[in-house]
Amino acid sequence: MLKTITVKLPDELFQKLCATAERAATSRSTLIRTALLAYLEEAGESAGLSCLDLARDLCGSLEGPEDLSSNPKHLQGYGA
């Protein structure tokens, strides 16, 4: 069973919705359901991922010392 909700849209977004639905030969409701489902599925894919998982493509992209967290030379003066 489908539930009904009310969504308020700015005029410009409503016009884009109408034009897109017309081009796709579908209803506005179907277009909104499809877009919402895609958004929720994408958001769910990142749920539970670690920071490393989310930023894996950035690892190794910077230059500098690799051992900042364990080298006593770099930790002098911290925690004293």
Protein backbone atom coordinates (compact mmCIF):
# COMPACT_ATOMS: atom_id res chain seq x y z
CA MET A 1 0.00 0.00 0.00
CA LEU A 2 1.33 3.42 -0.91
CA LYS A 3 1.38 6.19 1.67
CA THR A 4 0.79 9.83 0.81
CA ILE A 5 3.17 12.60 1.86
CA THR A 6 3.23 16.30 1.10
CA VAL A 7 6.40 17.98 -0.09
CA LYS A 8 6.82 21.71 -0.60
CA LEU A 9 9.08 22.63 -3.53
CA PRO A 10 10.35 25.97 -4.77
CA ASP A 11 8.83 26.96 -8.13
CA GLU A 12 12.04 26.32 -10.05
CA LEU A 13 12.44 22.81 -8.66
CA PHE A 14 8.78 22.03 -9.31
CA GLN A 15 9.16 23.13 -12.93
CA LYS A 16 12.23 20.91 -13.33
CA LEU A 17 10.31 18.00 -11.81
CA CYS A 18 7.39 18.50 -14.20
CA ALA A 19 9.63 18.82 -17.27
CA THR A 20 11.70 15.77 -16.33
CA ALA A 21 8.63 13.64 -15.64
CA GLU A 22 7.13 14.68 -18.97
CA ARG A 23 10.33 13.84 -20.87
CA ALA A 24 10.50 10.47 -19.12
CA ALA A 25 6.80 9.84 -19.83
CA THR A 26 6.18 9.11 -16.16
CA SER A 27 4.31 10.69 -13.29
CA ARG A 28 5.89 13.13 -10.86
CA SER A 29 5.19 10.67 -8.06
CA THR A 30 7.02 7.86 -9.83
CA LEU A 31 9.97 10.12 -10.56
CA ILE A 32 10.16 11.26 -6.94
CA ARG A 33 9.93 7.66 -5.65
CA THR A 34 12.69 6.55 -8.03
CA ALA A 35 14.97 9.46 -7.08
CA LEU A 36 14.34 8.99 -3.37
CA LEU A 37 15.04 5.27 -3.56
CA ALA A 38 18.31 5.89 -5.46
CA TYR A 39 19.35 8.49 -2.88
CA LEU A 40 18.56 6.23 0.07
CA GLU A 41 20.38 3.27 -1.49
CA GLU A 42 23.47 5.40 -2.12
CA ALA A 43 23.36 6.84 1.40
CA GLY A 44 22.99 3.33 2.82
CA GLU A 45 26.11 2.17 1.02
CA SER A 46 28.21 4.58 3.05
CA ALA A 47 26.56 3.67 6.36
CA GLY A 48 28.93 1.72 8.56
CA LEU A 49 31.99 2.49 6.45
CA SER A 50 35.12 3.62 8.23
CA CYS A 51 36.84 6.91 7.60
CA LEU A 52 39.51 4.94 5.73
CA ASP A 53 36.88 3.35 3.49
CA LEU A 54 35.44 6.76 2.63
CA ALA A 55 38.83 8.43 2.01
CA ARG A 56 40.76 5.47 0.59
CA ASP A 57 41.41 7.30 -2.69
CA LEU A 58 43.20 10.06 -0.77
CA CYS A 59 45.64 7.75 1.01
CA GLY A 60 49.18 8.30 -0.19
CA SER A 61 48.33 11.47 -2.07
CA LEU A 62 50.33 13.73 0.27
CA GLU A 63 54.07 13.99 0.70
CA GLY A 64 55.83 14.12 4.04
CA PRO A 65 56.96 11.93 6.91
CA GLU A 66 55.06 8.66 7.01
CA ASP A 67 55.53 7.94 10.71
CA LEU A 68 54.16 11.00 12.50
CA SER A 69 52.12 8.97 14.97
CA SER A 70 54.84 6.60 16.14
CA ASN A 71 58.19 8.32 15.70
CA PRO A 72 59.31 9.77 19.08
CA LYS A 73 61.10 12.60 17.23
CA HIS A 74 57.77 13.95 16.00
CA LEU A 75 56.05 13.46 19.38
CA GLN A 76 58.52 15.49 21.48
CA GLY A 77 56.68 17.95 23.70
CA TYR A 78 53.27 16.29 23.38
CA GLY A 79 51.61 14.72 26.41
CA ALA A 80 54.26 15.93 28.80
